[in-house]
Amino acid sequence: MLDIQRLHMTWVLGCENLAMILCRDSRALFSVQDL
């Protein structure tokens, strides 16, 4: 049970980090296109 909980937390944190990276990259991409 603890392993599943730890795996779930790792997956959630990983998705949050991935979303933040994608948002930052897309924002940088849009700013480059605006120039």
N, C-alpha and C. Protein backbone atom coordinates (compact mmCIF):
# COMPACT_ATOMS: atom_id res chain seq x y z
N MET A 1 0.84 -1.20 0.00
CA MET A 1 0.00 0.00 0.00
C MET A 1 0.88 1.25 0.00
N LEU A 2 1.92 1.25 0.82
CA LEU A 2 2.81 2.41 0.88
C LEU A 2 3.51 2.62 -0.46
N ASP A 3 3.89 1.51 -1.11
CA ASP A 3 4.59 1.63 -2.39
C ASP A 3 3.68 2.29 -3.43
N ILE A 4 2.42 1.89 -3.45
CA ILE A 4 1.46 2.46 -4.41
C ILE A 4 1.27 3.94 -4.13
N GLN A 5 1.20 4.29 -2.83
CA GLN A 5 1.02 5.69 -2.46
C GLN A 5 2.22 6.51 -2.90
N ARG A 6 3.42 5.96 -2.68
CA ARG A 6 4.65 6.67 -3.06
C ARG A 6 4.71 6.81 -4.58
N LEU A 7 4.33 5.76 -5.29
CA LEU A 7 4.35 5.79 -6.76
C LEU A 7 3.37 6.85 -7.27
N HIS A 8 2.20 6.91 -6.64
CA HIS A 8 1.18 7.89 -7.04
C HIS A 8 1.69 9.31 -6.81
N MET A 9 2.33 9.56 -5.67
CA MET A 9 2.85 10.90 -5.37
C MET A 9 3.93 11.27 -6.37
N THR A 10 4.81 10.31 -6.69
CA THR A 10 5.89 10.57 -7.65
C THR A 10 5.30 10.91 -9.02
N TRP A 11 4.24 10.18 -9.40
CA TRP A 11 3.60 10.41 -10.70
C TRP A 11 2.94 11.78 -10.74
N VAL A 12 2.26 12.16 -9.64
CA VAL A 12 1.59 13.47 -9.56
C VAL A 12 2.62 14.59 -9.64
N LEU A 13 3.70 14.47 -8.87
CA LEU A 13 4.74 15.50 -8.88
C LEU A 13 5.39 15.58 -10.25
N GLY A 14 5.61 14.43 -10.88
CA GLY A 14 6.22 14.39 -12.20
C GLY A 14 5.33 15.09 -13.23
N CYS A 15 4.02 14.87 -13.13
CA CYS A 15 3.08 15.51 -14.07
C CYS A 15 3.06 17.01 -13.85
N GLU A 16 3.11 17.44 -12.58
CA GLU A 16 3.11 18.88 -12.29
C GLU A 16 4.37 19.52 -12.85
N ASN A 17 5.52 18.85 -12.67
CA ASN A 17 6.78 19.38 -13.20
C ASN A 17 6.74 19.44 -14.72
N LEU A 18 6.20 18.39 -15.34
CA LEU A 18 6.11 18.33 -16.80
C LEU A 18 5.20 19.45 -17.31
N ALA A 19 4.08 19.67 -16.63
CA ALA A 19 3.15 20.73 -17.04
C ALA A 19 3.82 22.09 -16.93
N MET A 20 4.57 22.31 -15.85
CA MET A 20 5.26 23.59 -15.68
C MET A 20 6.29 23.80 -16.78
N ILE A 21 7.03 22.74 -17.11
CA ILE A 21 8.06 22.84 -18.16
C ILE A 21 7.40 23.13 -19.51
N LEU A 22 6.29 22.43 -19.80
CA LEU A 22 5.60 22.64 -21.07
C LEU A 22 5.03 24.05 -21.16
N CYS A 23 4.47 24.54 -20.05
CA CYS A 23 3.91 25.91 -20.04
C CYS A 23 5.02 26.92 -20.27
N ARG A 24 6.16 26.72 -19.60
CA ARG A 24 7.27 27.66 -19.74
C ARG A 24 7.81 27.62 -21.17
N ASP A 25 7.95 26.42 -21.73
CA ASP A 25 8.48 26.28 -23.09
C ASP A 25 7.53 26.89 -24.12
N SER A 26 6.23 26.64 -23.96
CA SER A 26 5.26 27.18 -24.92
C SER A 26 5.22 28.70 -24.83
N ARG A 27 5.40 29.24 -23.62
CA ARG A 27 5.40 30.69 -23.45
C ARG A 27 6.62 31.28 -24.15
N ALA A 28 7.76 30.62 -23.99
CA ALA A 28 8.99 31.08 -24.64
C ALA A 28 8.83 30.98 -26.16
N LEU A 29 8.19 29.91 -26.61
CA LEU A 29 7.97 29.70 -28.04
C LEU A 29 7.10 30.83 -28.61
N PHE A 30 6.02 31.17 -27.89
CA PHE A 30 5.13 32.23 -28.35
C PHE A 30 5.83 33.58 -28.36
N SER A 31 6.67 33.84 -27.36
CA SER A 31 7.37 35.13 -27.31
C SER A 31 8.34 35.23 -28.48
N VAL A 32 8.94 34.10 -28.87
CA VAL A 32 9.87 34.10 -30.01
C VAL A 32 9.08 34.35 -31.29
N GLN A 33 7.89 33.75 -31.41
CA GLN A 33 7.06 33.94 -32.60
C GLN A 33 6.59 35.39 -32.70
N ASP A 34 6.32 36.02 -31.55
CA ASP A 34 5.87 37.41 -31.56
C ASP A 34 6.95 38.33 -32.12
N LEU A 35 8.21 38.00 -31.82
CA LEU A 35 9.31 38.81 -32.34
C LEU A 35 9.42 38.59 -33.85
